[in-house]
Amino acid sequence: MSSSTQFPPLKGDASLLLAYQLHSKRVLLIGGGPVAASRLTHALEADALVTLLCPSSGLCPELLYRLSDPWCKSRITYHDRPWLGTEDLDLDGGADMVLSATDDPGVSKSVCVAARSRRVPVNVADVPEECDFHFGSTIRDGPLQVLVSTGGRGPKVANLIRRRLERALPEKCGMAIDRVGELRRRLRARAPGREEGKKRMHWMVGICEAWELEDLAELEEGDIEVLLRDGWEKGKVLSPKDLGKVGKGKEKVDNGLNWRREGIAGLLGAVVGAAVVGLAVFVRSSR
């Protein structure tokens, strides 16, 4: 087999898709409208700490609500004033990420130049050339996050594709991932040795292939113990039938997407194995 057929060809002009971990990192957000509110939501759900710059007269209803909510308020440092310049990057200990969501082109340009001078990743809403990363259209179901991006070219198209994907996803995906995550955690506690890593991975893949998503979502504490005691300990992969359960799952074809067991294993392996409770962003380095 030649190298040209063994390895797929590479195509440039793509973004790097990351599950970017913002936990306790500082995000500087400039703006007070609906777009700023959306950016704030993404950052807070990723457990970031947010410094918000905007005169109080420019705050939209959602931002006013977030600033009054105890949980959100505990993670937001609000400055009732506009952007003043590069020195604002040092507010509250310094910014790890900068988000500009203002309708003033001069302010947006100033924010971008300042952030890039400090090599801090920056996103300027609706100005792709001033963005080091783009926000996409997202689906979230607990630990499951799916992001669709057009690289800033067509946000509405990304939204339409996201809606189709959302309708096609099986029910209870998030719950299934939670239960598989618990099974994986308890398996590691039972067999913590690094030398057993490949064996653990092989067994978990077998479980994901033997169980439908809907059945995994219904796993109870007792079921997990049986899977470990009578399955893992004896070198077996038990099926729902082995546990006396009537499988609820079935193969589905919806909008051209066939959610078969092979796809379930890949989906769960990727999501659970990476712990992707974070802010997914497309990062394009401009430096």
Protein backbone atom coordinates (compact mmCIF):
# COMPACT_ATOMS: atom_id res chain seq x y z
CA MET A 1 0.00 0.00 0.00
CA SER A 2 1.43 3.37 -1.03
CA SER A 3 1.63 6.31 1.36
CA SER A 4 -0.88 8.24 -0.75
CA THR A 5 -3.55 5.58 -0.18
CA GLN A 6 -2.56 4.70 3.38
CA PHE A 7 -2.92 8.22 4.73
CA PRO A 8 -5.81 10.57 3.90
CA PRO A 9 -4.96 13.83 2.11
CA LEU A 10 -4.85 16.96 4.24
CA LYS A 11 -7.00 20.01 3.54
CA GLY A 12 -6.08 23.42 4.87
CA ASP A 13 -8.21 26.45 5.78
CA ALA A 14 -9.81 24.68 8.76
CA SER A 15 -10.22 25.70 12.39
CA LEU A 16 -8.87 23.68 15.30
CA LEU A 17 -11.80 22.35 17.30
CA LEU A 18 -11.06 22.21 21.02
CA ALA A 19 -12.97 21.53 24.21
CA TYR A 20 -11.26 24.51 25.83
CA GLN A 21 -11.10 24.36 29.63
CA LEU A 22 -11.89 27.76 31.16
CA HIS A 23 -12.42 26.64 34.74
CA SER A 24 -11.44 29.54 37.03
CA LYS A 25 -9.73 31.38 34.17
CA ARG A 26 -10.46 35.09 33.70
CA VAL A 27 -12.51 36.22 30.69
CA LEU A 28 -12.75 39.92 29.90
CA LEU A 29 -16.10 40.73 28.25
CA ILE A 30 -16.77 44.16 26.72
CA GLY A 31 -20.36 44.99 25.80
CA GLY A 32 -23.87 44.97 27.19
CA GLY A 33 -26.27 43.77 24.48
CA PRO A 34 -27.79 40.37 23.62
CA VAL A 35 -24.57 39.14 22.00
CA ALA A 36 -22.64 40.00 25.15
CA ALA A 37 -25.27 38.14 27.18
CA SER A 38 -24.78 35.07 24.97
CA ARG A 39 -20.99 35.26 25.42
CA LEU A 40 -21.46 35.59 29.18
CA THR A 41 -23.65 32.47 29.23
CA HIS A 42 -21.01 30.42 27.40
CA ALA A 43 -18.24 31.61 29.71
CA LEU A 44 -20.17 31.01 32.93
CA GLU A 45 -21.28 27.54 31.87
CA ALA A 46 -17.59 26.78 31.33
CA ASP A 47 -16.95 27.84 34.96
CA ALA A 48 -14.93 30.89 33.95
CA LEU A 49 -14.54 34.05 36.01
CA VAL A 50 -15.83 37.03 34.04
CA THR A 51 -14.85 40.68 34.13
CA LEU A 52 -17.68 42.64 32.50
CA LEU A 53 -17.08 46.14 31.15
CA CYS A 54 -20.14 48.19 30.16
CA PRO A 55 -21.89 51.34 31.38
CA SER A 56 -25.04 50.37 33.30
CA SER A 57 -27.15 52.31 30.80
CA GLY A 58 -26.13 49.83 28.10
CA LEU A 59 -26.95 46.58 29.89
CA CYS A 60 -29.65 44.46 28.27
CA PRO A 61 -32.35 42.76 30.41
CA GLU A 62 -30.56 39.40 30.45
CA LEU A 63 -27.31 40.90 31.71
CA LEU A 64 -29.20 42.81 34.40
CA TYR A 65 -30.77 39.52 35.46
CA ARG A 66 -27.43 37.66 35.49
CA LEU A 67 -25.89 40.39 37.62
CA SER A 68 -28.69 39.94 40.16
CA ASP A 69 -28.56 36.14 40.23
CA PRO A 70 -26.47 34.99 43.24
CA TRP A 71 -24.60 32.20 41.43
CA CYS A 72 -23.77 34.32 38.37
CA LYS A 73 -22.95 37.38 40.46
CA SER A 74 -20.39 35.38 42.43
CA ARG A 75 -18.45 34.73 39.22
CA ILE A 76 -18.80 38.18 37.61
CA THR A 77 -16.79 41.28 38.43
CA TYR A 78 -18.73 44.19 36.97
CA HIS A 79 -17.20 47.55 36.07
CA ASP A 80 -19.77 50.24 35.28
CA ARG A 81 -17.78 51.96 32.56
CA PRO A 82 -16.65 51.55 28.95
CA TRP A 83 -13.41 50.10 27.60
CA LEU A 84 -10.54 52.50 28.24
CA GLY A 85 -7.61 50.79 26.57
CA THR A 86 -4.86 48.20 26.92
CA GLU A 87 -4.63 48.65 30.69
CA ASP A 88 -8.07 47.06 31.03
CA LEU A 89 -6.47 43.71 30.19
CA ASP A 90 -4.92 43.84 33.67
CA LEU A 91 -8.24 44.17 35.51
CA ASP A 92 -8.95 41.61 38.24
CA GLY A 93 -5.66 39.81 37.87
CA GLY A 94 -5.41 39.82 34.08
CA ALA A 95 -7.38 38.31 31.22
CA ASP A 96 -6.85 34.81 29.82
CA MET A 97 -9.39 35.45 27.05
CA VAL A 98 -11.03 38.60 25.65
CA LEU A 99 -14.51 38.86 24.16
CA SER A 100 -15.69 42.06 22.50
CA ALA A 101 -19.42 42.36 21.85
CA THR A 102 -19.90 46.05 21.24
CA ASP A 103 -21.38 47.79 18.19
CA ASP A 104 -18.63 50.41 18.17
CA PRO A 105 -16.08 49.46 15.46
CA GLY A 106 -13.42 51.71 16.98
CA VAL A 107 -13.72 50.03 20.37
CA SER A 108 -13.72 46.58 18.78
CA LYS A 109 -10.54 47.36 16.83
CA SER A 110 -8.85 48.76 19.95
CA VAL A 111 -9.76 45.65 21.94
CA CYS A 112 -8.42 43.36 19.23
CA VAL A 113 -5.12 45.22 18.88
CA ALA A 114 -4.62 45.34 22.65
CA ALA A 115 -5.34 41.65 23.15
CA ARG A 116 -3.08 40.55 20.31
CA SER A 117 -0.28 42.76 21.58
CA ARG A 118 -0.43 40.71 24.79
CA ARG A 119 -0.93 37.40 22.92
CA VAL A 120 -4.30 36.92 24.63
CA PRO A 121 -6.91 35.07 22.49
CA VAL A 122 -9.63 37.48 21.36
CA ASN A 123 -13.03 37.26 19.70
CA VAL A 124 -14.70 40.35 18.22
CA ALA A 125 -18.35 39.68 17.43
CA ASP A 126 -19.23 39.83 13.72
CA VAL A 127 -15.67 40.73 12.63
CA PRO A 128 -14.05 37.42 11.57
CA GLU A 129 -10.68 38.97 10.73
CA GLU A 130 -10.41 40.24 14.31
CA CYS A 131 -11.12 36.82 15.83
CA ASP A 132 -8.61 34.23 16.98
CA PHE A 133 -11.51 31.83 17.50
CA HIS A 134 -15.18 31.61 16.58
CA PHE A 135 -18.24 30.64 18.56
CA GLY A 136 -20.43 28.05 16.88
CA SER A 137 -23.98 26.80 17.20
CA THR A 138 -24.09 24.36 20.10
CA ILE A 139 -26.11 21.45 21.43
CA ARG A 140 -25.79 20.61 25.11
CA ASP A 141 -27.27 17.69 26.98
CA GLY A 142 -25.48 17.44 30.31
CA PRO A 143 -21.86 16.40 29.59
CA LEU A 144 -22.55 16.06 25.86
CA GLN A 145 -21.58 19.11 23.82
CA VAL A 146 -21.81 19.25 20.04
CA LEU A 147 -20.62 22.33 18.18
CA VAL A 148 -21.23 23.27 14.56
CA SER A 149 -19.13 26.04 13.04
CA THR A 150 -18.76 27.57 9.60
CA GLY A 151 -15.57 29.37 10.60
CA GLY A 152 -17.45 32.64 10.81
CA ARG A 153 -18.71 32.37 7.22
CA GLY A 154 -22.37 31.52 7.84
CA PRO A 155 -23.61 31.56 11.46
CA LYS A 156 -27.23 31.06 10.42
CA VAL A 157 -26.30 28.01 8.35
CA ALA A 158 -24.53 26.58 11.41
CA ASN A 159 -27.72 27.17 13.39
CA LEU A 160 -29.84 25.34 10.80
CA ILE A 161 -27.45 22.36 10.76
CA ARG A 162 -27.38 22.30 14.55
CA ARG A 163 -31.17 22.11 14.69
CA ARG A 164 -31.19 19.13 12.32
CA LEU A 165 -28.54 17.35 14.36
CA GLU A 166 -30.44 18.07 17.58
CA ARG A 167 -33.57 16.43 16.18
CA ALA A 168 -31.56 13.41 15.03
CA LEU A 169 -29.75 12.72 18.30
CA PRO A 170 -31.16 9.85 20.37
CA GLU A 171 -32.96 10.77 23.57
CA LYS A 172 -31.13 10.73 26.91
CA CYS A 173 -27.64 11.02 25.43
CA GLY A 174 -26.47 13.09 28.37
CA MET A 175 -27.89 10.65 30.90
CA ALA A 176 -26.24 7.73 29.10
CA ILE A 177 -22.86 9.49 29.21
CA ASP A 178 -23.29 10.24 32.91
CA ARG A 179 -23.97 6.57 33.68
CA VAL A 180 -21.08 5.34 31.52
CA GLY A 181 -18.86 7.91 33.23
CA GLU A 182 -19.86 6.51 36.63
CA LEU A 183 -19.18 2.96 35.45
CA ARG A 184 -15.79 4.04 34.13
CA ARG A 185 -14.95 5.83 37.40
CA ARG A 186 -15.79 2.79 39.49
CA LEU A 187 -13.89 0.50 37.13
CA ARG A 188 -10.77 2.62 37.56
CA ALA A 189 -11.21 2.49 41.35
CA ARG A 190 -11.47 -1.29 41.17
CA ALA A 191 -8.58 -1.73 38.73
CA PRO A 192 -6.40 1.39 39.07
CA GLY A 193 -3.14 -0.01 37.72
CA ARG A 194 -1.69 1.59 34.59
CA GLU A 195 -0.87 -1.87 33.28
CA GLU A 196 -4.59 -2.57 33.12
CA GLY A 197 -5.35 0.52 31.05
CA LYS A 198 -5.74 -1.29 27.72
CA LYS A 199 -7.86 -3.98 29.33
CA ARG A 200 -10.14 -1.36 30.91
CA MET A 201 -10.49 0.46 27.60
CA HIS A 202 -11.27 -2.75 25.71
CA TRP A 203 -13.91 -3.74 28.27
CA MET A 204 -15.57 -0.30 28.24
CA VAL A 205 -15.73 -0.34 24.44
CA GLY A 206 -17.37 -3.76 24.65
CA ILE A 207 -20.00 -2.42 27.06
CA CYS A 208 -20.78 0.54 24.79
CA GLU A 209 -21.15 -1.80 21.82
CA ALA A 210 -23.35 -4.28 23.71
CA TRP A 211 -25.75 -1.68 25.11
CA GLU A 212 -27.94 0.81 23.29
CA LEU A 213 -27.85 4.43 24.41
CA GLU A 214 -31.36 4.22 25.81
CA ASP A 215 -30.37 1.19 27.91
CA LEU A 216 -27.17 2.80 29.16
CA ALA A 217 -29.22 5.79 30.33
CA GLU A 218 -31.26 3.43 32.55
CA LEU A 219 -28.27 1.87 34.31
CA GLU A 220 -28.86 1.82 38.07
CA GLU A 221 -26.31 1.54 40.87
CA GLY A 222 -27.04 -2.14 41.28
CA ASP A 223 -26.59 -2.74 37.56
CA ILE A 224 -23.16 -1.11 37.62
CA GLU A 225 -22.10 -3.33 40.51
CA VAL A 226 -23.26 -6.44 38.64
CA LEU A 227 -21.42 -5.37 35.48
CA LEU A 228 -18.22 -5.01 37.49
CA ARG A 229 -18.60 -8.04 39.75
CA ASP A 230 -19.98 -10.56 37.27
CA GLY A 231 -18.57 -8.99 34.12
CA TRP A 232 -15.23 -7.26 34.61
CA GLU A 233 -14.03 -9.54 37.40
CA LYS A 234 -14.80 -12.62 35.28
CA GLY A 235 -13.52 -11.22 31.98
CA LYS A 236 -16.97 -10.90 30.47
CA VAL A 237 -18.97 -8.16 28.77
CA LEU A 238 -22.54 -8.50 29.99
CA SER A 239 -25.50 -7.42 27.89
CA PRO A 240 -28.88 -6.05 29.07
CA LYS A 241 -30.25 -9.55 28.62
CA ASP A 242 -27.62 -10.94 30.97
CA LEU A 243 -28.92 -8.56 33.63
CA GLY A 244 -32.51 -9.62 33.00
CA LYS A 245 -33.43 -6.38 31.30
CA VAL A 246 -35.59 -5.95 28.25
CA GLY A 247 -33.60 -3.68 25.93
CA LYS A 248 -35.31 -0.39 25.24
CA GLY A 249 -32.91 0.70 22.54
CA LYS A 250 -33.33 0.18 18.85
CA GLU A 251 -31.59 1.24 15.71
CA LYS A 252 -32.95 4.54 14.43
CA VAL A 253 -32.72 6.29 11.12
CA ASP A 254 -33.64 9.97 11.36
CA ASN A 255 -32.81 12.70 8.88
CA GLY A 256 -30.31 10.40 7.21
CA LEU A 257 -28.36 9.62 10.42
CA ASN A 258 -28.16 5.97 11.42
CA TRP A 259 -27.40 5.66 15.13
CA ARG A 260 -26.08 2.12 15.33
CA ARG A 261 -24.09 0.54 18.12
CA GLU A 262 -20.85 1.18 16.24
CA GLY A 263 -21.60 4.90 16.38
CA ILE A 264 -22.55 4.73 20.05
CA ALA A 265 -19.19 3.31 21.01
CA GLY A 266 -17.36 6.07 19.17
CA LEU A 267 -19.61 8.78 20.59
CA LEU A 268 -19.34 7.67 24.19
CA GLY A 269 -15.65 6.85 23.97
CA ALA A 270 -14.83 10.31 22.65
CA VAL A 271 -17.02 12.27 25.05
CA VAL A 272 -16.52 10.34 28.28
CA GLY A 273 -12.83 9.80 27.72
CA ALA A 274 -12.14 13.52 27.29
CA ALA A 275 -14.34 15.07 30.05
CA VAL A 276 -15.61 17.84 27.83
CA VAL A 277 -17.54 20.02 30.26
CA GLY A 278 -16.02 23.20 28.95
CA LEU A 279 -16.38 25.97 26.49
CA ALA A 280 -15.88 24.56 22.97
CA VAL A 281 -14.29 27.09 20.74
CA PHE A 282 -12.70 27.04 17.31
CA VAL A 283 -9.22 28.47 17.70
CA ARG A 284 -7.40 29.96 14.77
CA SER A 285 -4.01 31.41 15.66
CA SER A 286 -3.20 34.72 14.10
CA ARG A 287 0.27 34.83 15.50
